[in-house]
PDB file of all heavy atoms in Angstrom:
ATOM      1  N   ASP A   1     -76.097 -70.734  85.106  1.00  0.00           N
ATOM      2  CA  ASP A   1     -75.957 -72.182  84.889  1.00  0.00           C
ATOM      3  C   ASP A   1     -75.183 -72.828  86.024  1.00  0.00           C
ATOM      4  O   ASP A   1     -74.701 -73.953  85.833  1.00  0.00           O
ATOM      5  CB  ASP A   1     -75.259 -72.480  83.581  1.00  0.00           C
ATOM      6  CG  ASP A   1     -76.209 -72.316  82.426  1.00  0.00           C
ATOM      7  OD1 ASP A   1     -77.427 -72.405  82.566  1.00  0.00           O
ATOM      8  OD2 ASP A   1     -75.702 -72.068  81.267  1.00  0.00           O
ATOM      9  N   ARG A   2     -75.123 -72.241  87.205  1.00  0.00           N
ATOM     10  CA  ARG A   2     -74.518 -72.960  88.327  1.00  0.00           C
ATOM     11  C   ARG A   2     -75.396 -74.096  88.690  1.00  0.00           C
ATOM     12  O   ARG A   2     -76.614 -74.066  88.650  1.00  0.00           O
ATOM     13  CB  ARG A   2     -74.385 -71.973  89.537  1.00  0.00           C
ATOM     14  CG  ARG A   2     -73.367 -70.860  89.341  1.00  0.00           C
ATOM     15  CD  ARG A   2     -73.489 -69.853  90.438  1.00  0.00           C
ATOM     16  NE  ARG A   2     -73.211 -70.429  91.752  1.00  0.00           N
ATOM     17  CZ  ARG A   2     -73.597 -69.933  92.904  1.00  0.00           C
ATOM     18  NH1 ARG A   2     -74.326 -68.805  92.903  1.00  0.00           N
ATOM     19  NH2 ARG A   2     -73.266 -70.515  94.006  1.00  0.00           N
ATOM     20  N   ARG A   3     -74.770 -75.240  89.118  1.00  0.00           N
ATOM     21  CA  ARG A   3     -75.476 -76.457  89.360  1.00  0.00           C
ATOM     22  C   ARG A   3     -75.187 -76.953  90.780  1.00  0.00           C
ATOM     23  O   ARG A   3     -74.043 -76.856  91.248  1.00  0.00           O
ATOM     24  CB  ARG A   3     -75.140 -77.533  88.349  1.00  0.00           C
ATOM     25  CG  ARG A   3     -75.620 -77.170  86.957  1.00  0.00           C
ATOM     26  CD  ARG A   3     -74.951 -78.027  85.889  1.00  0.00           C
ATOM     27  NE  ARG A   3     -75.559 -77.890  84.563  1.00  0.00           N
ATOM     28  CZ  ARG A   3     -75.259 -76.976  83.686  1.00  0.00           C
ATOM     29  NH1 ARG A   3     -74.349 -76.041  83.990  1.00  0.00           N
ATOM     30  NH2 ARG A   3     -75.878 -76.919  82.501  1.00  0.00           N
ATOM     31  N   PHE A   4     -76.207 -77.538  91.432  1.00  0.00           N
ATOM     32  CA  PHE A   4     -76.066 -78.020  92.793  1.00  0.00           C
ATOM     33  C   PHE A   4     -76.646 -79.437  92.830  1.00  0.00           C
ATOM     34  O   PHE A   4     -77.641 -79.729  92.193  1.00  0.00           O
ATOM     35  CB  PHE A   4     -76.799 -77.095  93.769  1.00  0.00           C
ATOM     36  CG  PHE A   4     -76.253 -75.665  93.734  1.00  0.00           C
ATOM     37  CD1 PHE A   4     -76.754 -74.790  92.810  1.00  0.00           C
ATOM     38  CD2 PHE A   4     -75.332 -75.266  94.665  1.00  0.00           C
ATOM     39  CE1 PHE A   4     -76.293 -73.474  92.781  1.00  0.00           C
ATOM     40  CE2 PHE A   4     -74.881 -73.959  94.656  1.00  0.00           C
ATOM     41  CZ  PHE A   4     -75.354 -73.066  93.696  1.00  0.00           C
ATOM     42  N   TYR A   5     -76.047 -80.267  93.721  1.00  0.00           N
ATOM     43  CA  TYR A   5     -76.479 -81.647  93.862  1.00  0.00           C
ATOM     44  C   TYR A   5     -76.494 -82.053  95.301  1.00  0.00           C
ATOM     45  O   TYR A   5     -75.610 -81.635  96.101  1.00  0.00           O
ATOM     46  CB  TYR A   5     -75.568 -82.598  93.104  1.00  0.00           C
ATOM     47  CG  TYR A   5     -75.571 -82.369  91.634  1.00  0.00           C
ATOM     48  CD1 TYR A   5     -74.567 -81.606  91.040  1.00  0.00           C
ATOM     49  CD2 TYR A   5     -76.520 -82.931  90.767  1.00  0.00           C
ATOM     50  CE1 TYR A   5     -74.513 -81.373  89.688  1.00  0.00           C
ATOM     51  CE2 TYR A   5     -76.509 -82.687  89.428  1.00  0.00           C
ATOM     52  CZ  TYR A   5     -75.516 -81.904  88.903  1.00  0.00           C
ATOM     53  OH  TYR A   5     -75.466 -81.663  87.533  1.00  0.00           O
ATOM     54  N   GLY A   6     -77.491 -82.838  95.707  1.00  0.00           N
ATOM     55  CA  GLY A   6     -77.487 -83.446  97.030  1.00  0.00           C
ATOM     56  C   GLY A   6     -76.375 -84.472  97.126  1.00  0.00           C
ATOM     57  O   GLY A   6     -75.986 -85.121  96.140  1.00  0.00           O
ATOM     58  N   ASP A   7     -75.865 -84.680  98.342  1.00  0.00           N
ATOM     59  CA  ASP A   7     -74.743 -85.570  98.505  1.00  0.00           C
ATOM     60  C   ASP A   7     -75.064 -87.001  98.073  1.00  0.00           C
ATOM     61  O   ASP A   7     -74.189 -87.738  97.593  1.00  0.00           O
ATOM     62  CB  ASP A   7     -74.309 -85.591  99.976  1.00  0.00           C
ATOM     63  CG  ASP A   7     -73.644 -84.302 100.415  1.00  0.00           C
ATOM     64  OD1 ASP A   7     -73.134 -83.562  99.516  1.00  0.00           O
ATOM     65  OD2 ASP A   7     -73.581 -84.032 101.629  1.00  0.00           O
ATOM     66  N   SER A   8     -76.297 -87.417  98.210  1.00  0.00           N
ATOM     67  CA  SER A   8     -76.713 -88.806  97.902  1.00  0.00           C
ATOM     68  C   SER A   8     -76.719 -89.067  96.405  1.00  0.00           C
ATOM     69  O   SER A   8     -76.705 -90.244  96.027  1.00  0.00           O
ATOM     70  CB  SER A   8     -78.071 -89.109  98.514  1.00  0.00           C
ATOM     71  OG  SER A   8     -79.078 -88.281  97.935  1.00  0.00           O
ATOM     72  N   VAL A   9     -76.717 -88.039  95.560  1.00  0.00           N
ATOM     73  CA  VAL A   9     -76.785 -88.252  94.117  1.00  0.00           C
ATOM     74  C   VAL A   9     -75.582 -87.681  93.367  1.00  0.00           C
ATOM     75  O   VAL A   9     -75.472 -87.930  92.162  1.00  0.00           O
ATOM     76  CB  VAL A   9     -78.094 -87.651  93.511  1.00  0.00           C
ATOM     77  CG1 VAL A   9     -79.301 -88.192  94.245  1.00  0.00           C
ATOM     78  CG2 VAL A   9     -78.066 -86.137  93.553  1.00  0.00           C
ATOM     79  N   LYS A  10     -74.694 -87.003  94.067  1.00  0.00           N
ATOM     80  CA  LYS A  10     -73.537 -86.369  93.413  1.00  0.00           C
ATOM     81  C   LYS A  10     -72.683 -87.433  92.743  1.00  0.00           C
ATOM     82  O   LYS A  10     -72.354 -88.454  93.322  1.00  0.00           O
ATOM     83  CB  LYS A  10     -72.720 -85.622  94.429  1.00  0.00           C
ATOM     84  CG  LYS A  10     -71.610 -84.777  93.856  1.00  0.00           C
ATOM     85  CD  LYS A  10     -70.934 -83.895  94.910  1.00  0.00           C
ATOM     86  CE  LYS A  10     -71.871 -82.881  95.489  1.00  0.00           C
ATOM     87  NZ  LYS A  10     -71.192 -81.978  96.459  1.00  0.00           N
ATOM     88  N   GLY A  11     -72.334 -87.165  91.472  1.00  0.00           N
ATOM     89  CA  GLY A  11     -71.544 -88.142  90.705  1.00  0.00           C
ATOM     90  C   GLY A  11     -72.392 -89.095  89.920  1.00  0.00           C
ATOM     91  O   GLY A  11     -71.870 -89.774  89.005  1.00  0.00           O
ATOM     92  N   ARG A  12     -73.668 -89.180  90.203  1.00  0.00           N
ATOM     93  CA  ARG A  12     -74.560 -90.112  89.495  1.00  0.00           C
ATOM     94  C   ARG A  12     -75.640 -89.325  88.677  1.00  0.00           C
ATOM     95  O   ARG A  12     -76.055 -89.827  87.623  1.00  0.00           O
ATOM     96  CB  ARG A  12     -75.280 -91.047  90.464  1.00  0.00           C
ATOM     97  CG  ARG A  12     -74.295 -91.934  91.238  1.00  0.00           C
ATOM     98  CD  ARG A  12     -75.088 -92.987  92.058  1.00  0.00           C
ATOM     99  NE  ARG A  12     -75.903 -92.379  93.060  1.00  0.00           N
ATOM    100  CZ  ARG A  12     -77.261 -92.534  93.145  1.00  0.00           C
ATOM    101  NH1 ARG A  12     -77.899 -93.324  92.241  1.00  0.00           N
ATOM    102  NH2 ARG A  12     -77.958 -91.953  94.084  1.00  0.00           N
ATOM    103  N   PHE A  13     -76.106 -88.205  89.183  1.00  0.00           N
ATOM    104  CA  PHE A  13     -77.139 -87.398  88.539  1.00  0.00           C
ATOM    105  C   PHE A  13     -76.566 -86.159  87.919  1.00  0.00           C
ATOM    106  O   PHE A  13     -75.581 -85.618  88.441  1.00  0.00           O
ATOM    107  CB  PHE A  13     -78.236 -86.997  89.569  1.00  0.00           C
ATOM    108  CG  PHE A  13     -79.088 -88.128  90.074  1.00  0.00           C
ATOM    109  CD1 PHE A  13     -78.756 -89.440  89.814  1.00  0.00           C
ATOM    110  CD2 PHE A  13     -80.222 -87.844  90.823  1.00  0.00           C
ATOM    111  CE1 PHE A  13     -79.546 -90.467  90.314  1.00  0.00           C
ATOM    112  CE2 PHE A  13     -81.008 -88.829  91.288  1.00  0.00           C
ATOM    113  CZ  PHE A  13     -80.678 -90.164  91.049  1.00  0.00           C
ATOM    114  N   THR A  14     -77.126 -85.704  86.810  1.00  0.00           N
ATOM    115  CA  THR A  14     -76.712 -84.497  86.129  1.00  0.00           C
ATOM    116  C   THR A  14     -77.916 -83.678  85.723  1.00  0.00           C
ATOM    117  O   THR A  14     -78.820 -84.184  85.067  1.00  0.00           O
ATOM    118  CB  THR A  14     -75.873 -84.795  84.860  1.00  0.00           C
ATOM    119  OG1 THR A  14     -74.749 -85.615  85.236  1.00  0.00           O
ATOM    120  CG2 THR A  14     -75.410 -83.508  84.242  1.00  0.00           C
ATOM    121  N   ILE A  15     -77.938 -82.407  86.143  1.00  0.00           N
ATOM    122  CA  ILE A  15     -79.018 -81.520  85.756  1.00  0.00           C
ATOM    123  C   ILE A  15     -78.594 -80.620  84.597  1.00  0.00           C
ATOM    124  O   ILE A  15     -77.403 -80.222  84.513  1.00  0.00           O
ATOM    125  CB  ILE A  15     -79.495 -80.631  86.960  1.00  0.00           C
ATOM    126  CG1 ILE A  15     -80.781 -79.884  86.654  1.00  0.00           C
ATOM    127  CG2 ILE A  15     -78.379 -79.687  87.415  1.00  0.00           C
ATOM    128  CD1 ILE A  15     -81.404 -79.242  87.858  1.00  0.00           C
ATOM    129  N   SER A  16     -79.483 -80.339  83.671  1.00  0.00           N
ATOM    130  CA  SER A  16     -79.163 -79.521  82.510  1.00  0.00           C
ATOM    131  C   SER A  16     -80.427 -78.825  82.086  1.00  0.00           C
ATOM    132  O   SER A  16     -81.547 -79.169  82.437  1.00  0.00           O
ATOM    133  CB  SER A  16     -78.593 -80.362  81.368  1.00  0.00           C
ATOM    134  OG  SER A  16     -79.471 -81.305  80.934  1.00  0.00           O
ATOM    135  N   ALA A  17     -80.255 -77.796  81.201  1.00  0.00           N
ATOM    136  CA  ALA A  17     -81.362 -77.013  80.705  1.00  0.00           C
ATOM    137  C   ALA A  17     -81.257 -76.826  79.190  1.00  0.00           C
ATOM    138  O   ALA A  17     -80.149 -76.601  78.690  1.00  0.00           O
ATOM    139  CB  ALA A  17     -81.437 -75.678  81.420  1.00  0.00           C
ATOM    140  N   ASP A  18     -82.378 -76.926  78.535  1.00  0.00           N
ATOM    141  CA  ASP A  18     -82.496 -76.591  77.100  1.00  0.00           C
ATOM    142  C   ASP A  18     -83.433 -75.405  77.021  1.00  0.00           C
ATOM    143  O   ASP A  18     -84.630 -75.556  77.039  1.00  0.00           O
ATOM    144  CB  ASP A  18     -83.002 -77.764  76.326  1.00  0.00           C
ATOM    145  CG  ASP A  18     -82.986 -77.555  74.825  1.00  0.00           C
ATOM    146  OD1 ASP A  18     -83.021 -76.373  74.412  1.00  0.00           O
ATOM    147  OD2 ASP A  18     -82.962 -78.552  74.085  1.00  0.00           O
ATOM    148  N   ASN A  19     -82.878 -74.227  76.907  1.00  0.00           N
ATOM    149  CA  ASN A  19     -83.689 -73.017  76.936  1.00  0.00           C
ATOM    150  C   ASN A  19     -84.600 -72.922  75.718  1.00  0.00           C
ATOM    151  O   ASN A  19     -85.696 -72.373  75.838  1.00  0.00           O
ATOM    152  CB  ASN A  19     -82.803 -71.760  77.045  1.00  0.00           C
ATOM    153  CG  ASN A  19     -82.114 -71.645  78.376  1.00  0.00           C
ATOM    154  OD1 ASN A  19     -82.648 -72.077  79.412  1.00  0.00           O
ATOM    155  ND2 ASN A  19     -80.939 -71.030  78.398  1.00  0.00           N
ATOM    156  N   ALA A  20     -84.168 -73.420  74.577  1.00  0.00           N
ATOM    157  CA  ALA A  20     -84.987 -73.381  73.355  1.00  0.00           C
ATOM    158  C   ALA A  20     -86.263 -74.191  73.589  1.00  0.00           C
ATOM    159  O   ALA A  20     -87.306 -73.841  73.004  1.00  0.00           O
ATOM    160  CB  ALA A  20     -84.199 -73.915  72.168  1.00  0.00           C
ATOM    161  N   LYS A  21     -86.163 -75.281  74.364  1.00  0.00           N
ATOM    162  CA  LYS A  21     -87.351 -76.107  74.617  1.00  0.00           C
ATOM    163  C   LYS A  21     -88.031 -75.741  75.954  1.00  0.00           C
ATOM    164  O   LYS A  21     -89.054 -76.328  76.261  1.00  0.00           O
ATOM    165  CB  LYS A  21     -86.956 -77.573  74.663  1.00  0.00           C
ATOM    166  CG  LYS A  21     -86.484 -78.119  73.313  1.00  0.00           C
ATOM    167  CD  LYS A  21     -86.154 -79.606  73.419  1.00  0.00           C
ATOM    168  CE  LYS A  21     -85.723 -80.145  72.053  1.00  0.00           C
ATOM    169  NZ  LYS A  21     -85.389 -81.593  72.141  1.00  0.00           N
ATOM    170  N   ASN A  22     -87.436 -74.805  76.664  1.00  0.00           N
ATOM    171  CA  ASN A  22     -87.985 -74.374  77.969  1.00  0.00           C
ATOM    172  C   ASN A  22     -88.118 -75.595  78.899  1.00  0.00           C
ATOM    173  O   ASN A  22     -89.161 -75.741  79.553  1.00  0.00           O
ATOM    174  CB  ASN A  22     -89.309 -73.671  77.795  1.00  0.00           C
ATOM    175  CG  ASN A  22     -89.510 -72.521  78.809  1.00  0.00           C
ATOM    176  OD1 ASN A  22     -88.555 -71.922  79.254  1.00  0.00           O
ATOM    177  ND2 ASN A  22     -90.783 -72.202  79.093  1.00  0.00           N
ATOM    178  N   THR A  23     -87.114 -76.426  78.890  1.00  0.00           N
ATOM    179  CA  THR A  23     -87.164 -77.686  79.627  1.00  0.00           C
ATOM    180  C   THR A  23     -85.860 -77.881  80.415  1.00  0.00           C
ATOM    181  O   THR A  23     -84.777 -77.619  79.904  1.00  0.00           O
ATOM    182  CB  THR A  23     -87.391 -78.857  78.655  1.00  0.00           C
ATOM    183  OG1 THR A  23     -88.608 -78.699  77.988  1.00  0.00           O
ATOM    184  CG2 THR A  23     -87.399 -80.175  79.399  1.00  0.00           C
ATOM    185  N   VAL A  24     -85.979 -78.414  81.642  1.00  0.00           N
ATOM    186  CA  VAL A  24     -84.856 -78.813  82.432  1.00  0.00           C
ATOM    187  C   VAL A  24     -84.904 -80.340  82.537  1.00  0.00           C
ATOM    188  O   VAL A  24     -85.941 -80.931  82.726  1.00  0.00           O
ATOM    189  CB  VAL A  24     -84.886 -78.155  83.840  1.00  0.00           C
ATOM    190  CG1 VAL A  24     -83.876 -78.775  84.769  1.00  0.00           C
ATOM    191  CG2 VAL A  24     -84.667 -76.652  83.673  1.00  0.00           C
ATOM    192  N   TYR A  25     -83.690 -80.961  82.504  1.00  0.00           N
ATOM    193  CA  TYR A  25     -83.575 -82.377  82.557  1.00  0.00           C
ATOM    194  C   TYR A  25     -82.780 -82.812  83.792  1.00  0.00           C
ATOM    195  O   TYR A  25     -81.949 -82.103  84.277  1.00  0.00           O
ATOM    196  CB  TYR A  25     -82.850 -82.942  81.311  1.00  0.00           C
ATOM    197  CG  TYR A  25     -83.523 -82.560  80.003  1.00  0.00           C
ATOM    198  CD1 TYR A  25     -83.119 -81.437  79.235  1.00  0.00           C
ATOM    199  CD2 TYR A  25     -84.576 -83.309  79.503  1.00  0.00           C
ATOM    200  CE1 TYR A  25     -83.713 -81.071  78.081  1.00  0.00           C
ATOM    201  CE2 TYR A  25     -85.199 -82.947  78.324  1.00  0.00           C
ATOM    202  CZ  TYR A  25     -84.776 -81.861  77.615  1.00  0.00           C
ATOM    203  OH  TYR A  25     -85.377 -81.504  76.432  1.00  0.00           O
ATOM    204  N   LEU A  26     -83.098 -84.027  84.219  1.00  0.00           N
ATOM    205  CA  LEU A  26     -82.305 -84.682  85.237  1.00  0.00           C
ATOM    206  C   LEU A  26     -81.935 -86.065  84.781  1.00  0.00           C
ATOM    207  O   LEU A  26     -82.775 -86.943  84.703  1.00  0.00           O
ATOM    208  CB  LEU A  26     -83.100 -84.737  86.547  1.00  0.00           C
ATOM    209  CG  LEU A  26     -82.360 -85.365  87.768  1.00  0.00           C
ATOM    210  CD1 LEU A  26     -81.222 -84.405  88.200  1.00  0.00           C
ATOM    211  CD2 LEU A  26     -83.288 -85.660  88.928  1.00  0.00           C
ATOM    212  N   GLN A  27     -80.666 -86.206  84.367  1.00  0.00           N
ATOM    213  CA  GLN A  27     -80.146 -87.497  83.950  1.00  0.00           C
ATOM    214  C   GLN A  27     -79.705 -88.281  85.194  1.00  0.00           C
ATOM    215  O   GLN A  27     -78.850 -87.822  85.941  1.00  0.00           O
ATOM    216  CB  GLN A  27     -78.952 -87.302  82.997  1.00  0.00           C
ATOM    217  CG  GLN A  27     -78.312 -88.612  82.489  1.00  0.00           C
ATOM    218  CD  GLN A  27     -79.251 -89.387  81.614  1.00  0.00           C
ATOM    219  OE1 GLN A  27     -79.843 -88.834  80.721  1.00  0.00           O
ATOM    220  NE2 GLN A  27     -79.339 -90.701  81.848  1.00  0.00           N
ATOM    221  N   MET A  28     -80.273 -89.453  85.351  1.00  0.00           N
ATOM    222  CA  MET A  28     -80.032 -90.281  86.514  1.00  0.00           C
ATOM    223  C   MET A  28     -79.350 -91.570  86.107  1.00  0.00           C
ATOM    224  O   MET A  28     -79.942 -92.410  85.415  1.00  0.00           O
ATOM    225  CB  MET A  28     -81.311 -90.547  87.306  1.00  0.00           C
ATOM    226  CG  MET A  28     -82.127 -89.313  87.665  1.00  0.00           C
ATOM    227  SD  MET A  28     -83.545 -89.673  88.701  1.00  0.00           S
ATOM    228  CE  MET A  28     -84.484 -90.726  87.610  1.00  0.00           C
ATOM    229  N   ASN A  29     -78.097 -91.745  86.456  1.00  0.00           N
ATOM    230  CA  ASN A  29     -77.337 -92.946  86.161  1.00  0.00           C
ATOM    231  C   ASN A  29     -77.016 -93.720  87.417  1.00  0.00           C
ATOM    232  O   ASN A  29     -77.125 -93.220  88.554  1.00  0.00           O
ATOM    233  CB  ASN A  29     -76.017 -92.559  85.483  1.00  0.00           C
ATOM    234  CG  ASN A  29     -76.241 -91.851  84.153  1.00  0.00           C
ATOM    235  OD1 ASN A  29     -77.223 -92.103  83.429  1.00  0.00           O
ATOM    236  ND2 ASN A  29     -75.314 -90.947  83.772  1.00  0.00           N
ATOM    237  N   SER A  30     -76.614 -94.978  87.215  1.00  0.00           N
ATOM    238  CA  SER A  30     -76.270 -95.870  88.339  1.00  0.00           C
ATOM    239  C   SER A  30     -77.311 -95.856  89.444  1.00  0.00           C
ATOM    240  O   SER A  30     -77.023 -95.708  90.617  1.00  0.00           O
ATOM    241  CB  SER A  30     -74.879 -95.448  88.903  1.00  0.00           C
ATOM    242  OG  SER A  30     -73.885 -95.457  87.884  1.00  0.00           O
ATOM    243  N   LEU A  31     -78.563 -96.047  89.036  1.00  0.00           N
ATOM    244  CA  LEU A  31     -79.654 -95.932  89.983  1.00  0.00           C
ATOM    245  C   LEU A  31     -79.625 -97.036  91.028  1.00  0.00           C
ATOM    246  O   LEU A  31     -79.257 -98.180  90.704  1.00  0.00           O
ATOM    247  CB  LEU A  31     -80.981 -95.950  89.234  1.00  0.00           C
ATOM    248  CG  LEU A  31     -81.293 -94.655  88.489  1.00  0.00           C
ATOM    249  CD1 LEU A  31     -82.397 -94.871  87.465  1.00  0.00           C
ATOM    250  CD2 LEU A  31     -81.726 -93.582  89.500  1.00  0.00           C
ATOM    251  N   LYS A  32     -80.023 -96.680  92.204  1.00  0.00           N
ATOM    252  CA  LYS A  32     -80.064 -97.569  93.356  1.00  0.00           C
ATOM    253  C   LYS A  32     -81.508 -97.719  93.866  1.00  0.00           C
ATOM    254  O   LYS A  32     -82.312 -96.833  93.618  1.00  0.00           O
ATOM    255  CB  LYS A  32     -79.194 -97.060  94.491  1.00  0.00           C
ATOM    256  CG  LYS A  32     -77.745 -96.766  94.096  1.00  0.00           C
ATOM    257  CD  LYS A  32     -76.995 -96.119  95.224  1.00  0.00           C
ATOM    258  CE  LYS A  32     -75.575 -95.824  94.857  1.00  0.00           C
ATOM    259  NZ  LYS A  32     -74.852 -95.155  95.997  1.00  0.00           N
ATOM    260  N   PRO A  33     -81.814 -98.810  94.561  1.00  0.00           N
ATOM    261  CA  PRO A  33     -83.171 -98.947  95.114  1.00  0.00           C
ATOM    262  C   PRO A  33     -83.589 -97.728  95.970  1.00  0.00           C
ATOM    263  O   PRO A  33     -84.781 -97.391  95.955  1.00  0.00           O
ATOM    264  CB  PRO A  33     -83.104-100.248  95.885  1.00  0.00           C
ATOM    265  CG  PRO A  33     -82.041-101.061  95.193  1.00  0.00           C
ATOM    266  CD  PRO A  33     -81.000-100.031  94.722  1.00  0.00           C
ATOM    267  N   GLU A  34     -82.643 -97.186  96.682  1.00  0.00           N
ATOM    268  CA  GLU A  34     -82.993 -96.015  97.516  1.00  0.00           C
ATOM    269  C   GLU A  34     -83.299 -94.780  96.733  1.00  0.00           C
ATOM    270  O   GLU A  34     -83.726 -93.780  97.352  1.00  0.00           O
ATOM    271  CB  GLU A  34     -81.847 -95.761  98.500  1.00  0.00           C
ATOM    272  CG  GLU A  34     -80.470 -95.622  97.894  1.00  0.00           C
ATOM    273  CD  GLU A  34     -79.658 -96.898  97.977  1.00  0.00           C
ATOM    274  OE1 GLU A  34     -80.248 -97.973  97.741  1.00  0.00           O
ATOM    275  OE2 GLU A  34     -78.467 -96.826  98.328  1.00  0.00           O
ATOM    276  N   ASP A  35     -83.116 -94.762  95.423  1.00  0.00           N
ATOM    277  CA  ASP A  35     -83.542 -93.664  94.584  1.00  0.00           C
ATOM    278  C   ASP A  35     -85.047 -93.737  94.279  1.00  0.00           C
ATOM    279  O   ASP A  35     -85.579 -92.777  93.684  1.00  0.00           O
ATOM    280  CB  ASP A  35     -82.752 -93.646  93.264  1.00  0.00           C
ATOM    281  CG  ASP A  35     -81.282 -93.341  93.472  1.00  0.00           C
ATOM    282  OD1 ASP A  35     -80.969 -92.462  94.339  1.00  0.00           O
ATOM    283  OD2 ASP A  35     -80.462 -93.984  92.815  1.00  0.00           O
ATOM    284  N   THR A  36     -85.679 -94.798  94.601  1.00  0.00           N
ATOM    285  CA  THR A  36     -87.119 -94.954  94.385  1.00  0.00           C
ATOM    286  C   THR A  36     -87.883 -93.867  95.113  1.00  0.00           C
ATOM    287  O   THR A  36     -87.723 -93.659  96.311  1.00  0.00           O
ATOM    288  CB  THR A  36     -87.604 -96.342  94.817  1.00  0.00           C
ATOM    289  OG1 THR A  36     -86.958 -97.354  94.058  1.00  0.00           O
ATOM    290  CG2 THR A  36     -89.096 -96.477  94.711  1.00  0.00           C
ATOM    291  N   ALA A  37     -88.688 -93.128  94.362  1.00  0.00           N
ATOM    292  CA  ALA A  37     -89.457 -92.006  94.960  1.00  0.00           C
ATOM    293  C   ALA A  37     -90.292 -91.330  93.859  1.00  0.00           C
ATOM    294  O   ALA A  37     -90.161 -91.656  92.702  1.00  0.00           O
ATOM    295  CB  ALA A  37     -88.506 -90.943  95.583  1.00  0.00           C
ATOM    296  N   ASP A  38     -91.149 -90.463  94.278  1.00  0.00           N
ATOM    297  CA  ASP A  38     -91.805 -89.525  93.391  1.00  0.00           C
ATOM    298  C   ASP A  38     -90.920 -88.310  93.199  1.00  0.00           C
ATOM    299  O   ASP A  38     -90.456 -87.713  94.209  1.00  0.00           O
ATOM    300  CB  ASP A  38     -93.155 -89.097  93.903  1.00  0.00           C
ATOM    301  CG  ASP A  38     -94.143 -90.233  93.942  1.00  0.00           C
ATOM    302  OD1 ASP A  38     -94.065 -91.114  93.054  1.00  0.00           O
ATOM    303  OD2 ASP A  38     -95.023 -90.263  94.834  1.00  0.00           O
ATOM    304  N   TYR A  39     -90.632 -87.933  91.981  1.00  0.00           N
ATOM    305  CA  TYR A  39     -89.714 -86.818  91.679  1.00  0.00           C
ATOM    306  C   TYR A  39     -90.513 -85.615  91.223  1.00  0.00           C
ATOM    307  O   TYR A  39     -91.344 -85.730  90.344  1.00  0.00           O
ATOM    308  CB  TYR A  39     -88.693 -87.238  90.655  1.00  0.00           C
ATOM    309  CG  TYR A  39     -87.602 -88.112  91.192  1.00  0.00           C
ATOM    310  CD1 TYR A  39     -87.845 -89.412  91.532  1.00  0.00           C
ATOM    311  CD2 TYR A  39     -86.288 -87.606  91.436  1.00  0.00           C
ATOM    312  CE1 TYR A  39     -86.846 -90.234  92.058  1.00  0.00           C
ATOM    313  CE2 TYR A  39     -85.292 -88.413  91.954  1.00  0.00           C
ATOM    314  CZ  TYR A  39     -85.544 -89.712  92.259  1.00  0.00           C
ATOM    315  OH  TYR A  39     -84.590 -90.509  92.765  1.00  0.00           O
ATOM    316  N   TYR A  40     -90.186 -84.448  91.753  1.00  0.00           N
ATOM    317  CA  TYR A  40     -90.863 -83.210  91.463  1.00  0.00           C
ATOM    318  C   TYR A  40     -89.855 -82.143  91.037  1.00  0.00           C
ATOM    319  O   TYR A  40     -88.742 -82.070  91.540  1.00  0.00           O
ATOM    320  CB  TYR A  40     -91.625 -82.681  92.698  1.00  0.00           C
ATOM    321  CG  TYR A  40     -92.641 -83.597  93.298  1.00  0.00           C
ATOM    322  CD1 TYR A  40     -92.270 -84.583  94.216  1.00  0.00           C
ATOM    323  CD2 TYR A  40     -93.957 -83.471  92.943  1.00  0.00           C
ATOM    324  CE1 TYR A  40     -93.232 -85.444  94.751  1.00  0.00           C
ATOM    325  CE2 TYR A  40     -94.935 -84.338  93.496  1.00  0.00           C
ATOM    326  CZ  TYR A  40     -94.527 -85.326  94.386  1.00  0.00           C
ATOM    327  OH  TYR A  40     -95.488 -86.165  94.923  1.00  0.00           O
ATOM    328  N   CYS A  41     -90.289 -81.293  90.097  1.00  0.00           N
ATOM    329  CA  CYS A  41     -89.500 -80.113  89.795  1.00  0.00           C
ATOM    330  C   CYS A  41     -90.243 -78.866  90.266  1.00  0.00           C
ATOM    331  O   CYS A  41     -91.467 -78.896  90.374  1.00  0.00           O
ATOM    332  CB  CYS A  41     -89.125 -80.018  88.337  1.00  0.00           C
ATOM    333  SG  CYS A  41     -90.569 -79.810  87.196  1.00  0.00           S
ATOM    334  N   ALA A  42     -89.468 -77.846  90.604  1.00  0.00           N
ATOM    335  CA  ALA A  42     -90.062 -76.582  91.103  1.00  0.00           C
ATOM    336  C   ALA A  42     -89.277 -75.430  90.605  1.00  0.00           C
ATOM    337  O   ALA A  42     -88.057 -75.501  90.530  1.00  0.00           O
ATOM    338  CB  ALA A  42     -90.114 -76.640  92.624  1.00  0.00           C
ATOM    339  N   ALA A  43     -89.945 -74.335  90.339  1.00  0.00           N
ATOM    340  CA  ALA A  43     -89.333 -73.092  89.887  1.00  0.00           C
ATOM    341  C   ALA A  43     -89.364 -72.092  91.057  1.00  0.00           C
ATOM    342  O   ALA A  43     -90.387 -71.917  91.688  1.00  0.00           O
ATOM    343  CB  ALA A  43     -90.041 -72.503  88.668  1.00  0.00           C
ATOM    344  N   GLY A  44     -88.214 -71.453  91.301  1.00  0.00           N
ATOM    345  CA  GLY A  44     -88.134 -70.510  92.388  1.00  0.00           C
ATOM    346  C   GLY A  44     -87.377 -69.274  92.039  1.00  0.00           C
ATOM    347  O   GLY A  44     -86.583 -69.235  91.061  1.00  0.00           O
ATOM    348  N   LEU A  45     -87.552 -68.208  92.802  1.00  0.00           N
ATOM    349  CA  LEU A  45     -86.885 -66.929  92.606  1.00  0.00           C
ATOM    350  C   LEU A  45     -85.667 -66.793  93.521  1.00  0.00           C
ATOM    351  O   LEU A  45     -84.826 -65.913  93.255  1.00  0.00           O
ATOM    352  CB  LEU A  45     -87.849 -65.803  92.878  1.00  0.00           C
ATOM    353  CG  LEU A  45     -89.061 -65.660  91.943  1.00  0.00           C
ATOM    354  CD1 LEU A  45     -90.020 -64.608  92.413  1.00  0.00           C
ATOM    355  CD2 LEU A  45     -88.600 -65.430  90.517  1.00  0.00           C
TER     356      LEU A  45
END
């Protein structure tokens, strides 16, 4: 459950996982116009 954040979102975004639902979430607060983008999730080893 170690978590990592890019400098541009640290303090505003929070990543979490619900293993029972097999789902990862990204809570995004205090959104800025520069956060506008297409967001993708990816699984890696």
